[in-house]
N, C-alpha and C. Protein backbone atom coordinates (compact mmCIF):
# COMPACT_ATOMS: atom_id res chain seq x y z
N MET A 1 41.80 -8.52 57.81
CA MET A 1 41.94 -9.58 58.78
C MET A 1 40.87 -10.64 58.53
N SER A 2 41.30 -11.88 58.63
CA SER A 2 40.33 -12.95 58.43
C SER A 2 39.50 -13.15 59.70
N GLU A 3 38.37 -13.83 59.55
CA GLU A 3 37.46 -14.05 60.67
C GLU A 3 38.09 -14.90 61.78
N ASP A 4 39.10 -15.74 61.47
CA ASP A 4 39.73 -16.56 62.50
C ASP A 4 40.91 -15.85 63.15
N ASN A 5 41.12 -14.60 62.86
CA ASN A 5 42.19 -13.82 63.45
C ASN A 5 41.84 -13.51 64.91
N PRO A 6 42.70 -13.90 65.87
CA PRO A 6 42.39 -13.63 67.27
C PRO A 6 42.29 -12.14 67.60
N CYS A 7 42.83 -11.29 66.76
CA CYS A 7 42.75 -9.85 66.99
C CYS A 7 41.30 -9.34 66.95
N LEU A 8 40.39 -10.10 66.34
CA LEU A 8 38.99 -9.70 66.26
C LEU A 8 38.22 -9.99 67.55
N THR A 9 38.81 -10.78 68.43
CA THR A 9 38.15 -11.06 69.70
C THR A 9 38.98 -10.62 70.89
N CYS A 10 40.26 -10.50 70.75
CA CYS A 10 41.13 -10.27 71.89
C CYS A 10 41.14 -8.82 72.37
N GLY A 11 41.93 -7.97 71.74
CA GLY A 11 42.04 -6.57 72.14
C GLY A 11 42.94 -6.31 73.33
N ALA A 12 43.60 -7.33 73.85
CA ALA A 12 44.43 -7.16 75.04
C ALA A 12 45.56 -6.15 74.82
N CYS A 13 46.17 -6.16 73.67
CA CYS A 13 47.27 -5.22 73.43
C CYS A 13 46.78 -3.77 73.46
N CYS A 14 45.55 -3.53 73.06
CA CYS A 14 44.97 -2.19 73.05
C CYS A 14 44.64 -1.70 74.46
N ALA A 15 44.67 -2.61 75.41
CA ALA A 15 44.36 -2.27 76.80
C ALA A 15 45.53 -2.63 77.71
N TYR A 16 46.74 -2.64 77.15
CA TYR A 16 47.90 -2.97 77.96
C TYR A 16 49.07 -2.01 77.74
N PHE A 17 49.31 -1.62 76.50
CA PHE A 17 50.47 -0.81 76.15
C PHE A 17 50.11 0.66 75.93
N ARG A 18 51.09 1.55 76.21
CA ARG A 18 50.95 2.92 75.75
C ARG A 18 51.36 2.91 74.28
N VAL A 19 50.50 3.38 73.41
CA VAL A 19 50.76 3.40 71.98
C VAL A 19 51.31 4.77 71.62
N SER A 20 52.64 4.88 71.62
CA SER A 20 53.29 6.15 71.31
C SER A 20 53.97 6.08 69.95
N PHE A 21 54.03 7.24 69.30
CA PHE A 21 54.57 7.30 67.94
C PHE A 21 54.96 8.73 67.60
N TYR A 22 55.74 8.87 66.54
CA TYR A 22 56.21 10.16 66.05
C TYR A 22 55.04 11.02 65.59
N TRP A 23 55.07 12.30 65.94
CA TRP A 23 53.95 13.21 65.63
C TRP A 23 53.63 13.27 64.14
N GLY A 24 54.60 13.00 63.29
CA GLY A 24 54.40 13.06 61.84
C GLY A 24 53.42 12.02 61.32
N GLU A 25 53.03 11.07 62.15
CA GLU A 25 52.02 10.09 61.73
C GLU A 25 50.60 10.65 61.86
N SER A 26 50.44 11.76 62.58
CA SER A 26 49.10 12.33 62.74
C SER A 26 48.66 13.03 61.46
N ASN A 27 47.36 13.13 61.27
CA ASN A 27 46.86 13.74 60.04
C ASN A 27 47.05 15.26 60.00
N GLU A 28 47.66 15.82 61.04
CA GLU A 28 48.05 17.23 60.99
C GLU A 28 49.35 17.44 60.23
N ALA A 29 50.10 16.37 60.03
CA ALA A 29 51.36 16.44 59.29
C ALA A 29 51.13 15.98 57.85
N PRO A 30 51.89 16.52 56.91
CA PRO A 30 51.76 16.06 55.52
C PRO A 30 52.01 14.55 55.42
N GLY A 31 51.06 13.84 54.86
CA GLY A 31 51.18 12.39 54.70
C GLY A 31 50.78 11.58 55.92
N GLY A 32 50.49 12.25 57.04
CA GLY A 32 50.08 11.54 58.25
C GLY A 32 48.64 11.05 58.13
N ILE A 33 48.32 9.97 58.83
CA ILE A 33 46.99 9.38 58.69
C ILE A 33 46.23 9.21 60.00
N VAL A 34 46.91 9.23 61.15
CA VAL A 34 46.24 9.00 62.42
C VAL A 34 45.42 10.24 62.80
N PRO A 35 44.12 10.10 63.03
CA PRO A 35 43.30 11.25 63.39
C PRO A 35 43.82 11.92 64.67
N VAL A 36 44.22 13.17 64.56
CA VAL A 36 44.83 13.87 65.69
C VAL A 36 43.90 13.95 66.89
N GLU A 37 42.60 13.93 66.67
CA GLU A 37 41.65 14.00 67.78
C GLU A 37 41.67 12.72 68.64
N TYR A 38 42.32 11.67 68.15
CA TYR A 38 42.46 10.42 68.91
C TYR A 38 43.79 10.36 69.64
N THR A 39 44.57 11.44 69.59
CA THR A 39 45.91 11.42 70.17
C THR A 39 46.06 12.46 71.27
N GLU A 40 47.11 12.27 72.07
CA GLU A 40 47.53 13.29 73.03
C GLU A 40 49.04 13.43 72.91
N GLN A 41 49.53 14.61 73.21
CA GLN A 41 50.95 14.90 73.08
C GLN A 41 51.69 14.44 74.34
N ILE A 42 52.79 13.73 74.12
CA ILE A 42 53.66 13.30 75.22
C ILE A 42 54.78 14.33 75.39
N HIS A 43 55.42 14.67 74.30
CA HIS A 43 56.37 15.78 74.26
C HIS A 43 56.43 16.30 72.84
N GLN A 44 57.34 17.18 72.55
CA GLN A 44 57.35 17.91 71.28
C GLN A 44 57.25 17.01 70.04
N HIS A 45 57.88 15.87 70.07
CA HIS A 45 57.92 15.02 68.88
C HIS A 45 57.16 13.70 69.02
N LEU A 46 56.50 13.50 70.15
CA LEU A 46 55.89 12.21 70.40
C LEU A 46 54.44 12.36 70.82
N LEU A 47 53.58 11.57 70.18
CA LEU A 47 52.16 11.50 70.52
C LEU A 47 51.86 10.10 71.03
N CYS A 48 50.70 9.94 71.64
CA CYS A 48 50.21 8.60 71.95
C CYS A 48 48.71 8.59 71.71
N MET A 49 48.18 7.40 71.56
CA MET A 49 46.74 7.26 71.41
C MET A 49 46.09 7.60 72.75
N LYS A 50 45.04 8.41 72.70
CA LYS A 50 44.33 8.76 73.94
C LYS A 50 43.88 7.49 74.65
N GLY A 51 43.98 7.54 75.95
CA GLY A 51 43.59 6.40 76.77
C GLY A 51 44.72 5.45 77.07
N THR A 52 45.76 5.43 76.23
CA THR A 52 46.85 4.48 76.47
C THR A 52 47.90 5.03 77.42
N ASN A 53 47.81 6.30 77.76
CA ASN A 53 48.75 6.90 78.71
C ASN A 53 48.14 6.90 80.12
N ASN A 54 46.97 6.28 80.27
CA ASN A 54 46.27 6.17 81.55
C ASN A 54 46.63 4.86 82.22
N HIS A 55 46.22 4.72 83.48
CA HIS A 55 46.39 3.44 84.16
C HIS A 55 45.03 3.02 84.70
N PRO A 56 44.47 1.93 84.29
CA PRO A 56 44.98 1.04 83.25
C PRO A 56 44.75 1.65 81.86
N PRO A 57 45.61 1.31 80.91
CA PRO A 57 45.45 1.84 79.56
C PRO A 57 44.29 1.18 78.82
N ARG A 58 43.69 1.93 77.93
CA ARG A 58 42.70 1.40 76.98
C ARG A 58 42.60 2.41 75.86
N CYS A 59 42.95 1.99 74.67
CA CYS A 59 42.95 2.88 73.52
C CYS A 59 41.55 3.40 73.22
N ILE A 60 41.46 4.67 72.94
CA ILE A 60 40.19 5.32 72.62
C ILE A 60 39.56 4.72 71.35
N ALA A 61 40.37 4.16 70.48
CA ALA A 61 39.86 3.61 69.22
C ALA A 61 39.33 2.18 69.36
N LEU A 62 39.59 1.54 70.49
CA LEU A 62 39.13 0.16 70.70
C LEU A 62 37.63 0.13 70.96
N ARG A 63 36.92 -0.66 70.20
CA ARG A 63 35.48 -0.83 70.35
C ARG A 63 35.19 -2.28 70.74
N GLY A 64 34.24 -2.47 71.61
CA GLY A 64 33.83 -3.81 71.97
C GLY A 64 34.35 -4.24 73.32
N GLU A 65 34.14 -5.52 73.63
CA GLU A 65 34.53 -6.10 74.90
C GLU A 65 35.74 -7.00 74.71
N ILE A 66 36.80 -6.70 75.45
CA ILE A 66 38.04 -7.46 75.36
C ILE A 66 37.77 -8.93 75.65
N GLY A 67 38.31 -9.78 74.80
CA GLY A 67 38.13 -11.22 74.95
C GLY A 67 36.86 -11.76 74.35
N LYS A 68 35.97 -10.89 73.91
CA LYS A 68 34.69 -11.32 73.31
C LYS A 68 34.65 -10.95 71.83
N GLN A 69 34.54 -9.66 71.57
CA GLN A 69 34.54 -9.18 70.19
C GLN A 69 35.00 -7.72 70.21
N VAL A 70 36.07 -7.44 69.48
CA VAL A 70 36.63 -6.09 69.44
C VAL A 70 36.95 -5.69 68.02
N SER A 71 37.12 -4.39 67.86
CA SER A 71 37.58 -3.86 66.58
C SER A 71 38.23 -2.52 66.84
N CYS A 72 38.98 -2.05 65.87
CA CYS A 72 39.62 -0.75 65.93
C CYS A 72 38.80 0.20 65.07
N SER A 73 38.34 1.29 65.68
CA SER A 73 37.50 2.23 64.93
C SER A 73 38.29 3.04 63.91
N ILE A 74 39.61 3.00 63.97
CA ILE A 74 40.44 3.70 62.98
C ILE A 74 41.44 2.74 62.33
N TYR A 75 41.03 1.49 62.15
CA TYR A 75 41.94 0.44 61.69
C TYR A 75 42.80 0.87 60.50
N GLU A 76 42.22 1.44 59.48
CA GLU A 76 42.99 1.84 58.29
C GLU A 76 43.88 3.05 58.57
N GLN A 77 43.63 3.75 59.67
CA GLN A 77 44.40 4.94 60.02
C GLN A 77 45.21 4.73 61.30
N ARG A 78 45.38 3.50 61.75
CA ARG A 78 46.08 3.23 63.00
C ARG A 78 47.58 3.57 62.87
N PRO A 79 48.23 3.89 63.99
CA PRO A 79 49.65 4.26 63.96
C PRO A 79 50.57 3.05 63.78
N SER A 80 51.82 3.33 63.51
CA SER A 80 52.79 2.27 63.23
C SER A 80 52.93 1.23 64.34
N PRO A 81 52.92 1.57 65.64
CA PRO A 81 53.04 0.50 66.64
C PRO A 81 51.91 -0.53 66.52
N CYS A 82 50.73 -0.08 66.16
CA CYS A 82 49.60 -1.00 66.00
C CYS A 82 49.76 -1.83 64.73
N ARG A 83 50.28 -1.23 63.69
CA ARG A 83 50.50 -1.96 62.44
C ARG A 83 51.58 -3.03 62.60
N GLU A 84 52.53 -2.75 63.48
CA GLU A 84 53.68 -3.65 63.66
C GLU A 84 53.45 -4.75 64.69
N PHE A 85 52.44 -4.62 65.54
CA PHE A 85 52.19 -5.62 66.59
C PHE A 85 51.23 -6.66 66.04
N ASN A 86 51.72 -7.86 65.85
CA ASN A 86 50.92 -8.93 65.26
C ASN A 86 50.98 -10.19 66.11
N VAL A 87 50.09 -11.12 65.86
CA VAL A 87 50.08 -12.40 66.53
C VAL A 87 51.38 -13.15 66.22
N TYR A 88 51.84 -13.03 64.99
CA TYR A 88 53.07 -13.69 64.57
C TYR A 88 54.06 -12.66 64.05
N GLU A 89 55.33 -12.93 64.27
CA GLU A 89 56.41 -12.07 63.78
C GLU A 89 56.54 -12.25 62.26
N LEU A 90 57.32 -11.39 61.64
CA LEU A 90 57.50 -11.46 60.18
C LEU A 90 58.09 -12.80 59.73
N ASP A 91 58.90 -13.43 60.57
CA ASP A 91 59.49 -14.71 60.20
C ASP A 91 58.56 -15.89 60.47
N GLY A 92 57.33 -15.61 60.93
CA GLY A 92 56.35 -16.66 61.18
C GLY A 92 56.36 -17.20 62.60
N SER A 93 57.33 -16.78 63.40
CA SER A 93 57.38 -17.24 64.79
C SER A 93 56.32 -16.51 65.61
N PRO A 94 55.83 -17.14 66.67
CA PRO A 94 54.81 -16.51 67.51
C PRO A 94 55.34 -15.25 68.19
N ASN A 95 54.50 -14.26 68.31
CA ASN A 95 54.84 -13.05 69.07
C ASN A 95 54.59 -13.38 70.54
N GLY A 96 55.66 -13.59 71.28
CA GLY A 96 55.55 -13.98 72.68
C GLY A 96 54.76 -13.00 73.53
N ARG A 97 54.89 -11.69 73.26
CA ARG A 97 54.15 -10.69 74.02
C ARG A 97 52.65 -10.85 73.80
N CYS A 98 52.25 -11.11 72.57
CA CYS A 98 50.82 -11.29 72.25
C CYS A 98 50.27 -12.51 72.98
N PHE A 99 50.96 -13.62 72.87
CA PHE A 99 50.48 -14.85 73.51
C PHE A 99 50.43 -14.69 75.03
N LYS A 100 51.43 -14.02 75.61
CA LYS A 100 51.46 -13.80 77.06
C LYS A 100 50.27 -12.95 77.50
N LEU A 101 49.97 -11.89 76.76
CA LEU A 101 48.82 -11.03 77.09
C LEU A 101 47.52 -11.82 77.07
N ARG A 102 47.43 -12.79 76.17
CA ARG A 102 46.21 -13.59 76.06
C ARG A 102 46.20 -14.77 77.02
N GLY A 103 47.26 -14.89 77.85
CA GLY A 103 47.34 -15.97 78.81
C GLY A 103 47.63 -17.32 78.19
N LEU A 104 48.31 -17.29 77.04
CA LEU A 104 48.60 -18.52 76.30
C LEU A 104 50.10 -18.76 76.22
N VAL A 105 50.46 -19.99 75.99
CA VAL A 105 51.84 -20.34 75.72
C VAL A 105 51.98 -20.36 74.21
N PRO A 106 52.99 -19.64 73.65
CA PRO A 106 53.17 -19.66 72.19
C PRO A 106 53.39 -21.08 71.69
N PRO A 107 52.83 -21.40 70.52
CA PRO A 107 53.07 -22.73 69.95
C PRO A 107 54.54 -22.90 69.60
N ALA A 108 55.01 -24.11 69.65
CA ALA A 108 56.40 -24.40 69.29
C ALA A 108 56.60 -24.13 67.82
N THR A 109 57.74 -23.56 67.49
CA THR A 109 58.06 -23.32 66.08
C THR A 109 58.94 -24.43 65.55
N ILE A 110 58.77 -24.72 64.30
CA ILE A 110 59.53 -25.81 63.67
C ILE A 110 60.69 -25.22 62.92
């Protein structure tokens, strides 16, 4: 991530959503990478990041102060929902959920 990436200061998504994913992403499964000690079981086939199943949610891997400076302590090992949630969609359009969480209006797309 570049230094101008809002994900380095925001962190709102890490303190808003339950981050749930297939158990096979945990490092207890062959090829899994998410540290199992950072997860909790939802049901037989589904895990979530600890802290995100609480109210209010806050991912256990989130470090820092939301809106000031944040980072993910397991960035290279984060689960697929975290890898897929970006400021912009794959087609370059703004991710409306991200902008809404930050209290912003998405920029107009051309």
